[in-house]
Amino acid sequence: MNNLVELYKKNKEVISYLFWGVLTTVVDLLVAFFLNQHTNINTFWNTAIAWLISVLFAFFTNRKWVFHSSAKNINEIIVEMRSFTFGRLASWIMEEIIIWIGQTLMHGSFNVVKILAQIIVIIFNYFWSKFVVFINHNK
């Protein structure tokens, strides 16, 4: 049991990121799958809507419970949000390209391609948030 506690203490940030990342991914997937199943929205807009909702969820959870941001005033928070959003825009473009390649060139299932894209995006987003967005969170 002590080994488990030590492991958690050493990796608390990564474990928290993975927990909130999984929930963010669930939000993204649920929205995307719902829109795919119940609307005539094309894949691009489906993914865009799912992305927007999941980015808002991710910013606030990452800021508070993963990286423990020290930004106090609105200007500092806006700077974080801009940087966070820029990184997420980059990962969204990456996701769109992966989905396009997976569906168009490889004729893959939307659901399988979407999940693969999410795995790649999660890894990219962690490093962007840790080393660019919330870099001053331990002031």
Protein backbone atom coordinates (compact mmCIF):
# COMPACT_ATOMS: atom_id res chain seq x y z
CA MET A 1 0.00 0.00 0.00
CA ASN A 2 2.87 2.40 0.79
CA ASN A 3 4.33 1.73 -2.65
CA LEU A 4 1.04 2.75 -4.23
CA VAL A 5 0.94 5.98 -2.21
CA GLU A 6 4.54 6.79 -3.16
CA LEU A 7 3.83 6.05 -6.80
CA TYR A 8 0.85 8.40 -6.70
CA LYS A 9 2.84 11.18 -5.00
CA LYS A 10 5.63 10.93 -7.57
CA ASN A 11 3.21 10.95 -10.50
CA LYS A 12 0.30 13.01 -9.17
CA GLU A 13 0.30 15.50 -12.06
CA VAL A 14 0.37 12.83 -14.77
CA ILE A 15 -2.29 10.77 -13.00
CA SER A 16 -4.50 13.86 -12.60
CA TYR A 17 -3.95 14.80 -16.24
CA LEU A 18 -4.86 11.30 -17.37
CA PHE A 19 -7.98 11.28 -15.19
CA TRP A 20 -9.21 14.65 -16.49
CA GLY A 21 -7.96 13.80 -19.97
CA VAL A 22 -10.04 10.64 -20.00
CA LEU A 23 -13.09 12.62 -18.88
CA THR A 24 -12.36 15.26 -21.55
CA THR A 25 -12.06 12.51 -24.14
CA VAL A 26 -15.34 11.00 -22.96
CA VAL A 27 -17.01 14.41 -23.35
CA ASP A 28 -15.54 14.76 -26.85
CA LEU A 29 -16.50 11.24 -27.91
CA LEU A 30 -20.03 11.41 -26.49
CA VAL A 31 -20.73 14.67 -28.29
CA ALA A 32 -19.17 13.42 -31.56
CA PHE A 33 -20.94 10.05 -31.45
CA PHE A 34 -24.26 11.69 -30.53
CA LEU A 35 -23.99 14.17 -33.41
CA ASN A 36 -22.89 11.41 -35.81
CA GLN A 37 -25.85 9.23 -34.83
CA HIS A 38 -28.61 11.84 -34.47
CA THR A 39 -27.83 14.65 -36.92
CA ASN A 40 -26.83 15.14 -40.52
CA ILE A 41 -23.83 17.26 -39.55
CA ASN A 42 -20.78 16.31 -41.60
CA THR A 43 -17.65 14.90 -39.97
CA PHE A 44 -15.77 18.22 -39.96
CA TRP A 45 -18.47 20.14 -38.08
CA ASN A 46 -19.22 17.15 -35.87
CA THR A 47 -15.61 17.12 -34.70
CA ALA A 48 -15.51 20.93 -34.42
CA ILE A 49 -18.50 21.04 -32.06
CA ALA A 50 -17.17 18.14 -29.98
CA TRP A 51 -13.77 19.85 -29.85
CA LEU A 52 -15.16 23.19 -28.65
CA ILE A 53 -17.13 21.64 -25.81
CA SER A 54 -14.25 19.43 -24.71
CA VAL A 55 -11.70 22.30 -24.84
CA LEU A 56 -13.80 24.40 -22.47
CA PHE A 57 -14.11 21.45 -20.12
CA ALA A 58 -10.38 20.70 -20.35
CA PHE A 59 -9.19 24.27 -19.75
CA PHE A 60 -10.99 24.67 -16.46
CA THR A 61 -10.21 21.18 -15.15
CA ASN A 62 -6.53 21.33 -16.18
CA ARG A 63 -6.12 24.83 -14.80
CA LYS A 64 -7.54 23.98 -11.40
CA TRP A 65 -6.89 20.29 -10.71
CA VAL A 66 -3.92 19.28 -12.85
CA PHE A 67 -1.48 22.17 -13.13
CA HIS A 68 -2.80 24.25 -10.19
CA SER A 69 -2.45 27.53 -12.01
CA SER A 70 -1.31 30.50 -9.97
CA ALA A 71 -2.90 33.01 -12.37
CA LYS A 72 -5.06 35.24 -10.22
CA ASN A 73 -6.30 38.17 -12.28
CA ILE A 74 -8.35 38.13 -15.44
CA ASN A 75 -5.42 39.17 -17.66
CA GLU A 76 -3.31 36.21 -16.53
CA ILE A 77 -6.22 33.83 -17.00
CA ILE A 78 -6.87 35.20 -20.50
CA VAL A 79 -3.20 34.67 -21.41
CA GLU A 80 -3.48 31.07 -20.23
CA MET A 81 -6.75 30.57 -22.08
CA ARG A 82 -5.30 31.98 -25.31
CA SER A 83 -2.25 29.76 -25.13
CA PHE A 84 -4.33 26.74 -24.16
CA THR A 85 -6.75 27.38 -27.02
CA PHE A 86 -3.89 27.84 -29.52
CA GLY A 87 -2.45 24.46 -28.50
CA ARG A 88 -5.87 22.87 -28.74
CA LEU A 89 -6.40 24.42 -32.17
CA ALA A 90 -3.13 22.82 -33.27
CA SER A 91 -4.24 19.46 -31.89
CA TRP A 92 -7.67 19.89 -33.48
CA ILE A 93 -6.06 20.38 -36.88
CA MET A 94 -3.95 17.30 -36.17
CA GLU A 95 -7.11 15.38 -35.26
CA GLU A 96 -8.93 16.51 -38.43
CA ILE A 97 -5.99 15.38 -40.57
CA ILE A 98 -5.82 12.00 -38.83
CA ILE A 99 -9.57 11.48 -39.25
CA TRP A 100 -9.46 12.54 -42.90
CA ILE A 101 -6.57 10.17 -43.63
CA GLY A 102 -8.19 7.37 -41.65
CA GLN A 103 -11.57 7.68 -43.34
CA THR A 104 -10.66 8.86 -46.83
CA LEU A 105 -7.38 7.14 -47.60
CA MET A 106 -7.63 4.11 -45.34
CA HIS A 107 -11.45 3.72 -45.38
CA GLY A 108 -11.53 3.23 -41.61
CA SER A 109 -14.55 3.37 -39.37
CA PHE A 110 -15.26 6.84 -37.95
CA ASN A 111 -15.40 5.47 -34.39
CA VAL A 112 -12.05 3.65 -34.62
CA VAL A 113 -10.30 6.53 -36.35
CA LYS A 114 -11.74 9.03 -33.86
CA ILE A 115 -10.42 7.02 -30.89
CA LEU A 116 -6.94 6.70 -32.46
CA ALA A 117 -6.88 10.44 -33.12
CA GLN A 118 -7.84 11.12 -29.51
CA ILE A 119 -4.93 9.09 -28.15
CA ILE A 120 -2.45 11.11 -30.21
CA VAL A 121 -4.12 14.40 -29.26
CA ILE A 122 -4.06 13.60 -25.52
CA ILE A 123 -0.29 13.10 -25.59
CA PHE A 124 0.31 16.30 -27.54
CA ASN A 125 -2.00 18.32 -25.28
CA TYR A 126 -0.28 17.19 -22.08
CA PHE A 127 3.11 18.42 -23.22
CA TRP A 128 1.68 21.67 -24.60
CA SER A 129 -0.13 22.41 -21.34
CA LYS A 130 2.79 21.45 -19.12
CA PHE A 131 5.55 23.26 -20.99
CA VAL A 132 3.73 26.18 -22.62
CA VAL A 133 0.40 27.08 -21.00
CA PHE A 134 0.78 26.50 -17.28
CA ILE A 135 4.55 26.90 -17.16
CA ASN A 136 4.41 29.43 -14.31
CA HIS A 137 1.89 27.52 -12.23
CA ASN A 138 4.36 26.95 -9.39
CA LYS A 139 5.22 30.62 -8.72
